[in-house]
Structures are given as C-alpha cells and as structure tokens.
C-alpha atoms as a PDB file:
ATOM      1  CA  UNK A   1     -25.220 138.468 123.597  1.00  0.00           C
ATOM      2  CA  UNK A   2     -22.212 137.175 125.211  1.00  0.00           C
ATOM      3  CA  UNK A   3     -22.856 133.253 125.672  1.00  0.00           C
ATOM      4  CA  UNK A   4     -21.487 132.046 128.646  1.00  0.00           C
ATOM      5  CA  UNK A   5     -22.206 128.190 128.596  1.00  0.00           C
ATOM      6  CA  UNK A   6     -20.323 125.701 127.040  1.00  0.00           C
ATOM      7  CA  UNK A   7     -20.954 124.041 123.627  1.00  0.00           C
ATOM      8  CA  UNK A   8     -21.672 120.408 125.242  1.00  0.00           C
ATOM      9  CA  UNK A   9     -24.266 122.105 127.213  1.00  0.00           C
ATOM     10  CA  UNK A  10     -25.711 124.177 124.338  1.00  0.00           C
ATOM     11  CA  UNK A  11     -25.891 121.314 122.212  1.00  0.00           C
ATOM     12  CA  UNK A  12     -27.261 118.709 124.881  1.00  0.00           C
ATOM     13  CA  UNK A  13     -29.905 121.315 126.289  1.00  0.00           C
ATOM     14  CA  UNK A  14     -30.831 123.238 123.140  1.00  0.00           C
ATOM     15  CA  UNK A  15     -30.150 126.390 125.153  1.00  0.00           C
ATOM     16  CA  UNK A  16     -27.470 128.863 125.942  1.00  0.00           C
ATOM     17  CA  UNK A  17     -26.679 130.939 129.115  1.00  0.00           C
ATOM     18  CA  UNK A  18     -25.851 134.668 127.849  1.00  0.00           C
ATOM     19  CA  UNK A  19     -25.476 137.959 129.277  1.00  0.00           C
ATOM     20  CA  UNK A  20     -26.556 141.164 127.301  1.00  0.00           C
ATOM     21  CA  UNK A  21     -24.459 143.528 125.477  1.00  0.00           C
ATOM     22  CA  UNK A  22     -25.098 147.371 124.649  1.00  0.00           C
ATOM     23  CA  UNK A  23     -23.490 149.980 122.598  1.00  0.00           C
ATOM     24  CA  UNK A  24     -24.850 152.487 125.116  1.00  0.00           C
ATOM     25  CA  UNK A  25     -22.227 153.901 127.745  1.00  0.00           C
ATOM     26  CA  UNK A  26     -23.598 152.529 131.007  1.00  0.00           C
ATOM     27  CA  UNK A  27     -24.008 154.802 134.268  1.00  0.00           C
ATOM     28  CA  UNK A  28     -23.086 151.714 136.332  1.00  0.00           C
ATOM     29  CA  UNK A  29     -19.680 150.138 136.427  1.00  0.00           C
ATOM     30  CA  UNK A  30     -18.426 146.842 137.470  1.00  0.00           C
ATOM     31  CA  UNK A  31     -20.130 144.358 138.578  1.00  0.00           C
ATOM     32  CA  UNK A  32     -23.060 145.441 136.733  1.00  0.00           C
ATOM     33  CA  UNK A  33     -21.149 146.201 133.317  1.00  0.00           C
ATOM     34  CA  UNK A  34     -18.092 145.622 131.948  1.00  0.00           C
ATOM     35  CA  UNK A  35     -16.474 147.264 128.814  1.00  0.00           C
ATOM     36  CA  UNK A  36     -15.983 144.602 126.280  1.00  0.00           C
ATOM     37  CA  UNK A  37     -12.456 143.963 124.508  1.00  0.00           C
ATOM     38  CA  UNK A  38     -13.931 141.603 122.238  1.00  0.00           C
ATOM     39  CA  UNK A  39     -12.193 141.796 118.858  1.00  0.00           C
ATOM     40  CA  UNK A  40     -14.682 141.901 115.743  1.00  0.00           C
ATOM     41  CA  UNK A  41     -17.511 143.772 117.563  1.00  0.00           C
ATOM     42  CA  UNK A  42     -18.739 146.628 115.182  1.00  0.00           C
ATOM     43  CA  UNK A  43     -19.209 149.128 117.724  1.00  0.00           C
ATOM     44  CA  UNK A  44     -17.669 149.949 121.489  1.00  0.00           C
ATOM     45  CA  UNK A  45     -19.608 147.632 123.733  1.00  0.00           C
ATOM     46  CA  UNK A  46     -20.469 146.922 127.240  1.00  0.00           C
ATOM     47  CA  UNK A  47     -21.367 143.485 128.796  1.00  0.00           C
ATOM     48  CA  UNK A  48     -24.484 143.892 131.084  1.00  0.00           C
ATOM     49  CA  UNK A  49     -23.500 141.148 133.533  1.00  0.00           C
ATOM     50  CA  UNK A  50     -26.864 141.693 135.524  1.00  0.00           C
ATOM     51  CA  UNK A  51     -28.843 140.938 132.418  1.00  0.00           C
ATOM     52  CA  UNK A  52     -28.453 137.047 132.387  1.00  0.00           C
ATOM     53  CA  UNK A  53     -30.708 134.867 130.297  1.00  0.00           C
ATOM     54  CA  UNK A  54     -31.509 131.319 128.818  1.00  0.00           C
ATOM     55  CA  UNK A  55     -32.159 131.362 125.198  1.00  0.00           C
ATOM     56  CA  UNK A  56     -33.216 128.885 122.756  1.00  0.00           C
ATOM     57  CA  UNK A  57     -30.285 128.073 120.475  1.00  0.00           C
ATOM     58  CA  UNK A  58     -32.618 128.670 117.583  1.00  0.00           C
ATOM     59  CA  UNK A  59     -32.603 132.253 118.457  1.00  0.00           C
ATOM     60  CA  UNK A  60     -28.768 132.776 118.150  1.00  0.00           C
ATOM     61  CA  UNK A  61     -27.449 134.108 115.035  1.00  0.00           C
ATOM     62  CA  UNK A  62     -23.821 133.810 113.658  1.00  0.00           C
ATOM     63  CA  UNK A  63     -21.228 135.093 115.898  1.00  0.00           C
ATOM     64  CA  UNK A  64     -19.986 138.606 115.589  1.00  0.00           C
ATOM     65  CA  UNK A  65     -16.764 138.464 117.782  1.00  0.00           C
ATOM     66  CA  UNK A  66     -14.971 136.085 120.500  1.00  0.00           C
ATOM     67  CA  UNK A  67     -14.454 137.165 123.996  1.00  0.00           C
ATOM     68  CA  UNK A  68     -11.084 136.116 125.673  1.00  0.00           C
ATOM     69  CA  UNK A  69     -11.040 133.688 128.603  1.00  0.00           C
ATOM     70  CA  UNK A  70      -9.985 136.601 130.740  1.00  0.00           C
ATOM     71  CA  UNK A  71     -13.071 138.453 129.795  1.00  0.00           C
ATOM     72  CA  UNK A  72     -15.391 135.531 130.299  1.00  0.00           C
ATOM     73  CA  UNK A  73     -13.821 135.081 133.838  1.00  0.00           C
ATOM     74  CA  UNK A  74     -14.247 138.900 134.601  1.00  0.00           C
ATOM     75  CA  UNK A  75     -18.041 138.402 133.906  1.00  0.00           C
ATOM     76  CA  UNK A  76     -18.147 135.236 136.018  1.00  0.00           C
ATOM     77  CA  UNK A  77     -16.529 137.380 138.781  1.00  0.00           C
ATOM     78  CA  UNK A  78     -19.274 139.809 138.114  1.00  0.00           C
ATOM     79  CA  UNK A  79     -21.871 137.455 138.523  1.00  0.00           C
ATOM     80  CA  UNK A  80     -20.218 136.343 141.753  1.00  0.00           C
ATOM     81  CA  UNK A  81     -20.189 139.627 143.206  1.00  0.00           C
ATOM     82  CA  UNK A  82     -23.935 140.192 142.261  1.00  0.00           C
ATOM     83  CA  UNK A  83     -25.096 136.696 143.661  1.00  0.00           C
ATOM     84  CA  UNK A  84     -22.827 137.141 146.812  1.00  0.00           C
ATOM     85  CA  UNK A  85     -20.860 134.234 146.007  1.00  0.00           C
END
C-alpha cells in the first residue's frame, strides 16, 4: 500500500487513505497504474491508482519504502483524471 494521507489525519482519525501496490505488470497504464520508483521496495512495483481505500492504522505494518513527493503528486494527478477533476 502507498499511504497518501498526512500523518496528522492518520493519527486523529485512526485510519489511512492508501492505494494498492502490485508486482504484477499491469495491462493498463496511467492514470489507472503508475510504475513506482520508490527505493527500498523488494520487487519492481506498480501503483494501482484506481484501487483507493481507507484502512485502520492497526492494519498497517512497518514501512518498506518511501515514495518521493513527485511520485505522490503523480498519483494524485491520476486520481484527479479518474475522478474528472
């Protein structure tokens, strides 16, 4: 999962807003998926922008990697395209 929500939101709400990650090469490109450039991921990975969800912070494990600000901005751009914003 790539967590998009801010730490303050996560702490106060007890939830995170996240999008799914996969190591399966996708058939669809941007804005539905985006190749991740996050360092520290164990495999080549893609962000499934169309699979957004809210999860309890209790379900989140330790961080494996950190996405750059530019990558997060690209995910938000994809969400805006999908939602028509």
